[in-house]
Amino acid sequence: MKLTTKRLRQIIRDEARTALRESIKPRKRSLVSLIFEDADAGKIDPEKFPTTLSAAAAKGEEISTAVSSGTKDGEDVDDKVKASSASFSCAELKPSQSSMNIDKAVSMAFGALKSGKVGGELGAFISEDGYIMDGHHRWISTFMVDPSATISGFMVNLPGQQLVAVLNAYTAGRLGIKSGKPATGGFDQFKDANAMKEAVEKFVKNGSDKVSAEDASQIVEEKGGLEAFVEMFMKNLSGATMSLPGWAPERPDMPVIDEKDVPGALAALNNGEIDLNPPYFGGDEKKPENAGRVRSGDVMVERWQKLAGIIK
């Protein structure tokens, strides 16, 4: 049976309507996502894409090839991963590293209180299961002020463990970075009311280039004084995840993708440039005949027929 372009479009439209009627959660893989975002996290080989940055960097040319050959492996969609802007409440997100400095977080929290702008853009990647890859100071300072505030970032349709591995491969193979940023601080300081009180008192005394000591003192008084102010921070933080998943590397082994490098990383994910799933590129850039289930303008071949349930 011939499956025309018109018929495939109708199938996609019908599937989308069904998804809306049944309130399918956005992260559930539908026919549409299988066609257009087809990378399978379960097929990402941990040997090919190790979790730590140092292990990825140690692969040298192999990792460089892996992050640039996804479009050369003879398949059209097997390596594509949807990565796009998304918004969350701060409380929905979880840390992938514990390296946070309490003085910096307190300073950012005062800045948010002065400006009245809480939350905002992380500029960081966020996994489909809610782990942030960077922007931890903005995340925790927002939590201190208002856990319900909206935070935006780039959601990637991969679980946290696989996303760290893929971004580490990109860091080493595309950006040439072999070691991550040094670790500072940890969760314990944010669980200790005395440590928080000391950090607040220090800030009120010294201020910053964005919030003067006078402004800081006034903000604290408006919140009921020092004790009440610190209690507010600690109460809000009591709802934050203050532990790491078992797969999370130490900070120096985490990805390093600065703001200027984010567009390139987004393009690599969305365009399937990283060779995530088999079949893998074998060195010959010429695609084999009929690779990727090549479509004509009128007829969709076996791949789409199977997806549509027309043939087994």
Protein backbone atom coordinates (compact mmCIF):
# COMPACT_ATOMS: atom_id res chain seq x y z
CA MET A 1 0.00 0.00 0.00
CA LYS A 2 1.35 3.44 -0.95
CA LEU A 3 1.72 5.94 1.88
CA THR A 4 1.60 9.42 0.38
CA THR A 5 2.87 12.62 1.94
CA LYS A 6 -0.74 13.75 2.30
CA ARG A 7 -1.65 10.56 4.17
CA LEU A 8 1.35 10.86 6.53
CA ARG A 9 0.36 14.43 7.38
CA GLN A 10 -3.16 13.25 8.16
CA ILE A 11 -1.76 10.54 10.47
CA ILE A 12 0.32 13.12 12.32
CA ARG A 13 -2.66 15.47 12.67
CA ASP A 14 -4.83 12.63 14.00
CA GLU A 15 -2.14 11.61 16.47
CA ALA A 16 -1.77 15.19 17.72
CA ARG A 17 -5.53 15.51 18.25
CA THR A 18 -5.56 12.22 20.19
CA ALA A 19 -2.68 13.41 22.36
CA LEU A 20 -4.58 16.58 23.22
CA ARG A 21 -7.78 14.69 24.02
CA GLU A 22 -6.01 12.24 26.27
CA SER A 23 -3.81 14.93 27.89
CA ILE A 24 -0.64 13.03 27.16
CA LYS A 25 2.24 14.49 29.14
CA PRO A 26 4.70 16.49 26.99
CA ARG A 27 7.63 14.19 27.73
CA LYS A 28 5.81 11.04 26.56
CA ARG A 29 7.13 9.86 23.20
CA SER A 30 4.37 10.01 20.56
CA LEU A 31 4.38 9.21 16.84
CA VAL A 32 5.34 12.81 16.16
CA SER A 33 8.34 12.71 18.52
CA LEU A 34 9.42 9.34 17.15
CA ILE A 35 9.59 10.85 13.68
CA PHE A 36 11.24 14.14 14.50
CA GLU A 37 13.11 13.58 17.81
CA ASP A 38 14.24 10.03 17.54
CA ALA A 39 17.36 9.72 19.72
CA ASP A 40 16.84 7.00 22.32
CA ALA A 41 18.51 7.73 25.67
CA GLY A 42 18.60 4.01 26.43
CA LYS A 43 20.82 3.41 23.41
CA ILE A 44 23.47 5.96 24.34
CA ASP A 45 26.56 3.83 24.98
CA PRO A 46 28.31 4.84 28.25
CA GLU A 47 31.58 3.56 26.83
CA LYS A 48 31.25 5.88 23.86
CA PHE A 49 29.86 8.73 25.97
CA PRO A 50 31.30 8.49 29.51
CA THR A 51 29.73 10.54 32.28
CA THR A 52 32.83 12.48 33.37
CA LEU A 53 34.56 15.23 31.43
CA SER A 54 38.02 13.79 32.09
CA ALA A 55 37.02 10.41 30.64
CA ALA A 56 35.49 12.09 27.59
CA ALA A 57 38.61 14.21 27.05
CA ALA A 58 40.82 11.11 27.33
CA LYS A 59 39.16 9.72 24.18
CA GLY A 60 40.80 12.40 22.07
CA GLU A 61 39.97 12.16 18.37
CA GLU A 62 37.34 9.51 19.05
CA ILE A 63 35.18 11.92 21.03
CA SER A 64 35.73 14.68 18.46
CA THR A 65 34.38 12.35 15.77
CA ALA A 66 31.45 11.26 17.93
CA VAL A 67 30.20 14.83 18.44
CA SER A 68 30.36 15.77 14.76
CA SER A 69 29.36 12.68 12.78
CA GLY A 70 25.69 12.14 13.63
CA THR A 71 24.56 13.45 10.25
CA LYS A 72 26.98 11.13 8.41
CA ASP A 73 25.85 7.75 9.75
CA GLY A 74 23.19 6.96 7.15
CA GLU A 75 20.16 7.69 9.35
CA ASP A 76 18.15 10.90 9.28
CA VAL A 77 16.65 11.16 12.77
CA ASP A 78 18.32 8.63 15.08
CA ASP A 79 20.59 11.23 16.71
CA LYS A 80 18.29 14.24 16.96
CA VAL A 81 17.37 15.46 20.43
CA LYS A 82 14.87 18.24 20.93
CA ALA A 83 16.36 21.12 22.93
CA SER A 84 14.35 24.31 23.30
CA SER A 85 13.48 27.12 25.70
CA ALA A 86 11.23 26.13 28.57
CA SER A 87 10.06 27.59 31.88
CA PHE A 88 9.66 25.94 35.28
CA SER A 89 8.93 26.95 38.82
CA CYS A 90 12.15 26.98 40.81
CA ALA A 91 10.81 24.20 43.05
CA GLU A 92 10.49 21.83 40.07
CA LEU A 93 14.23 21.82 39.43
CA LYS A 94 17.06 19.87 41.05
CA PRO A 95 20.83 20.39 41.24
CA SER A 96 23.38 18.28 39.40
CA GLN A 97 26.25 19.66 41.49
CA SER A 98 26.68 20.98 45.02
CA SER A 99 29.35 23.59 44.29
CA MET A 100 27.64 26.79 45.42
CA ASN A 101 29.00 29.68 47.46
CA ILE A 102 26.65 31.01 50.12
CA ASP A 103 27.99 34.57 49.95
CA LYS A 104 27.35 34.73 46.21
CA ALA A 105 23.87 33.25 46.64
CA VAL A 106 22.98 35.75 49.38
CA SER A 107 24.21 38.63 47.21
CA MET A 108 22.04 37.44 44.30
CA ALA A 109 19.03 37.03 46.61
CA PHE A 110 19.40 40.63 47.84
CA GLY A 111 19.71 41.78 44.24
CA ALA A 112 16.43 40.04 43.39
CA LEU A 113 14.68 41.55 46.40
CA LYS A 114 15.87 45.05 45.52
CA SER A 115 14.89 44.82 41.86
CA GLY A 116 11.68 42.90 42.46
CA LYS A 117 12.73 40.49 39.70
CA VAL A 118 12.94 37.00 41.13
CA GLY A 119 13.93 34.02 38.99
CA GLY A 120 14.61 34.66 35.34
CA GLU A 121 16.83 33.08 32.72
CA LEU A 122 19.34 30.45 33.84
CA GLY A 123 20.95 30.25 30.42
CA ALA A 124 21.55 26.60 31.27
CA PHE A 125 20.54 23.18 30.01
CA ILE A 126 17.85 21.32 31.95
CA SER A 127 17.25 17.58 31.63
CA GLU A 128 13.83 16.07 31.02
CA ASP A 129 13.80 14.88 34.65
CA GLY A 130 14.46 18.38 36.00
CA TYR A 131 18.21 18.50 36.66
CA ILE A 132 19.95 21.78 35.91
CA MET A 133 23.40 21.51 34.38
CA ASP A 134 24.56 25.00 35.35
CA GLY A 135 23.19 28.20 36.89
CA HIS A 136 23.09 26.73 40.39
CA HIS A 137 23.65 30.05 42.16
CA ARG A 138 20.67 31.63 40.41
CA TRP A 139 18.59 28.54 41.18
CA ILE A 140 19.36 28.45 44.90
CA SER A 141 19.17 32.24 45.37
CA THR A 142 15.75 32.19 43.70
CA PHE A 143 14.71 29.37 46.03
CA MET A 144 15.75 31.49 49.02
CA VAL A 145 13.46 34.33 47.93
CA ASP A 146 10.53 32.54 46.26
CA PRO A 147 10.49 28.82 45.36
CA SER A 148 7.46 29.37 43.13
CA ALA A 149 9.23 31.94 40.94
CA THR A 150 9.68 31.07 37.27
CA ILE A 151 13.08 30.04 35.94
CA SER A 152 13.80 29.56 32.25
CA GLY A 153 16.42 27.50 30.49
CA PHE A 154 16.89 25.05 27.63
CA MET A 155 15.11 21.78 28.22
CA VAL A 156 16.72 18.79 26.54
CA ASN A 157 14.76 15.57 26.01
CA LEU A 158 17.32 13.40 27.76
CA PRO A 159 17.51 12.22 31.40
CA GLY A 160 20.10 13.95 33.55
CA GLN A 161 22.71 11.19 33.48
CA GLN A 162 22.71 10.94 29.69
CA LEU A 163 22.58 14.71 29.28
CA VAL A 164 25.71 15.17 31.41
CA ALA A 165 27.51 12.57 29.32
CA VAL A 166 26.46 14.15 26.02
CA LEU A 167 27.36 17.67 27.13
CA ASN A 168 30.72 16.46 28.45
CA ALA A 169 31.38 14.88 25.06
CA TYR A 170 30.52 18.20 23.40
CA THR A 171 32.71 20.10 25.88
CA ALA A 172 35.73 17.90 25.16
CA GLY A 173 35.16 17.04 21.52
CA ARG A 174 33.82 20.29 20.10
CA LEU A 175 35.10 22.96 22.49
CA GLY A 176 38.43 21.32 23.33
CA ILE A 177 37.97 21.81 27.09
CA LYS A 178 39.52 19.01 29.13
CA SER A 179 38.80 20.03 32.73
CA GLY A 180 35.87 21.71 34.41
CA LYS A 181 35.52 24.56 36.87
CA PRO A 182 36.81 24.23 40.44
CA ALA A 183 34.38 23.35 43.20
CA THR A 184 33.46 25.89 45.91
CA GLY A 185 31.10 25.49 48.84
CA GLY A 186 28.46 22.81 49.26
CA PHE A 187 24.95 22.02 50.51
CA ASP A 188 25.79 22.06 54.23
CA GLN A 189 26.13 25.84 54.39
CA PHE A 190 22.58 26.25 53.05
CA LYS A 191 21.19 23.92 55.71
CA ASP A 192 22.86 25.78 58.58
CA ALA A 193 20.88 28.75 59.93
CA ASN A 194 23.97 30.15 61.67
CA ALA A 195 25.98 30.07 58.44
CA MET A 196 23.11 31.81 56.66
CA LYS A 197 22.86 34.43 59.40
CA GLU A 198 26.59 35.16 59.15
CA ALA A 199 26.37 35.53 55.37
CA VAL A 200 23.39 37.90 55.63
CA GLU A 201 25.07 39.98 58.34
CA LYS A 202 28.22 40.26 56.22
CA PHE A 203 26.21 41.42 53.23
CA VAL A 204 24.24 43.97 55.24
CA LYS A 205 27.53 45.38 56.52
CA ASN A 206 29.35 45.53 53.17
CA GLY A 207 26.70 45.53 50.46
CA SER A 208 27.75 45.05 46.81
CA ASP A 209 28.07 47.03 43.61
CA LYS A 210 24.38 46.39 42.95
CA VAL A 211 22.91 46.64 46.45
CA SER A 212 24.36 49.13 48.90
CA ALA A 213 24.74 48.30 52.60
CA GLU A 214 22.04 50.88 53.32
CA ASP A 215 19.63 49.26 50.85
CA ALA A 216 20.41 45.81 52.25
CA SER A 217 19.67 46.97 55.80
CA GLN A 218 16.37 48.46 54.67
CA ILE A 219 15.37 45.24 52.86
CA VAL A 220 16.05 43.22 56.02
CA GLU A 221 14.02 45.61 58.17
CA GLU A 222 11.09 45.46 55.73
CA LYS A 223 11.08 41.68 56.16
CA GLY A 224 10.83 41.94 59.95
CA GLY A 225 14.46 42.15 60.99
CA LEU A 226 17.48 39.89 60.80
CA GLU A 227 16.04 36.82 62.54
CA ALA A 228 12.84 36.86 60.48
CA PHE A 229 14.80 37.47 57.30
CA VAL A 230 17.09 34.49 57.87
CA GLU A 231 14.11 32.36 58.90
CA MET A 232 12.43 33.22 55.58
CA PHE A 233 15.46 32.04 53.63
CA MET A 234 15.74 28.81 55.65
CA LYS A 235 12.02 28.03 55.41
CA ASN A 236 12.07 28.46 51.65
CA LEU A 237 15.21 26.33 51.30
CA SER A 238 13.63 23.50 53.31
CA GLY A 239 11.78 22.49 50.14
CA ALA A 240 14.86 22.40 47.93
CA THR A 241 16.59 19.21 46.87
CA MET A 242 19.89 19.27 48.73
CA SER A 243 21.41 16.04 47.51
CA LEU A 244 22.93 14.79 44.28
CA PRO A 245 21.95 11.78 42.16
CA GLY A 246 24.44 8.93 42.22
CA TRP A 247 25.51 9.58 38.64
CA ALA A 248 26.54 13.21 39.21
CA PRO A 249 30.30 13.83 38.76
CA GLU A 250 32.33 16.21 40.90
CA ARG A 251 32.27 19.84 39.66
CA PRO A 252 35.62 19.63 37.80
CA ASP A 253 34.21 16.71 35.79
CA MET A 254 31.00 18.51 34.77
CA PRO A 255 30.37 20.11 31.34
CA VAL A 256 31.65 23.62 30.61
CA ILE A 257 29.42 25.32 28.06
CA ASP A 258 29.58 29.08 28.42
CA GLU A 259 26.90 31.46 27.14
CA LYS A 260 28.67 32.03 23.81
CA ASP A 261 28.78 28.26 23.20
CA VAL A 262 25.11 27.55 23.98
CA PRO A 263 23.73 28.23 20.44
CA GLY A 264 26.20 25.78 18.92
CA ALA A 265 25.34 23.11 21.46
CA LEU A 266 21.61 23.60 20.89
CA ALA A 267 22.10 23.27 17.13
CA ALA A 268 24.19 20.13 17.57
CA LEU A 269 21.43 18.49 19.63
CA ASN A 270 18.50 19.57 17.47
CA ASN A 271 20.24 18.79 14.18
CA GLY A 272 21.49 15.37 15.23
CA GLU A 273 25.16 16.30 14.85
CA ILE A 274 26.21 14.15 17.84
CA ASP A 275 26.35 10.45 16.90
CA LEU A 276 24.27 9.25 19.86
CA ASN A 277 22.56 6.10 18.61
CA PRO A 278 23.62 3.25 16.36
CA PRO A 279 24.24 2.92 13.49
CA TYR A 280 27.44 4.88 14.06
CA PHE A 281 29.48 6.71 11.46
CA GLY A 282 32.27 4.45 10.23
CA GLY A 283 34.48 6.96 8.47
CA ASP A 284 32.93 6.99 5.01
CA GLU A 285 30.94 10.19 4.56
CA LYS A 286 29.05 8.80 1.57
CA LYS A 287 25.69 7.48 2.69
CA PRO A 288 24.82 3.96 1.58
CA GLU A 289 22.08 3.57 -0.99
CA ASN A 290 18.60 4.02 0.52
CA ALA A 291 20.12 4.91 3.90
CA GLY A 292 17.82 6.68 6.32
CA ARG A 293 14.74 5.33 4.50
CA VAL A 294 15.05 8.02 1.80
CA ARG A 295 11.74 9.65 0.91
CA SER A 296 10.53 10.68 -2.52
CA GLY A 297 8.22 13.64 -2.88
CA ASP A 298 5.22 11.35 -3.17
CA VAL A 299 5.94 8.07 -1.39
CA MET A 300 7.11 7.35 2.15
CA VAL A 301 9.02 4.09 2.40
CA GLU A 302 9.11 1.28 4.91
CA ARG A 303 10.07 3.34 7.98
CA TRP A 304 6.95 5.52 7.81
CA GLN A 305 4.74 2.59 6.86
CA LYS A 306 5.80 0.77 10.01
CA LEU A 307 5.22 3.85 12.15
CA ALA A 308 1.77 4.27 10.65
CA GLY A 309 0.92 0.61 11.35
CA ILE A 310 0.29 -0.15 7.70
CA ILE A 311 2.87 -2.94 7.57
CA LYS A 312 4.42 -5.06 10.35
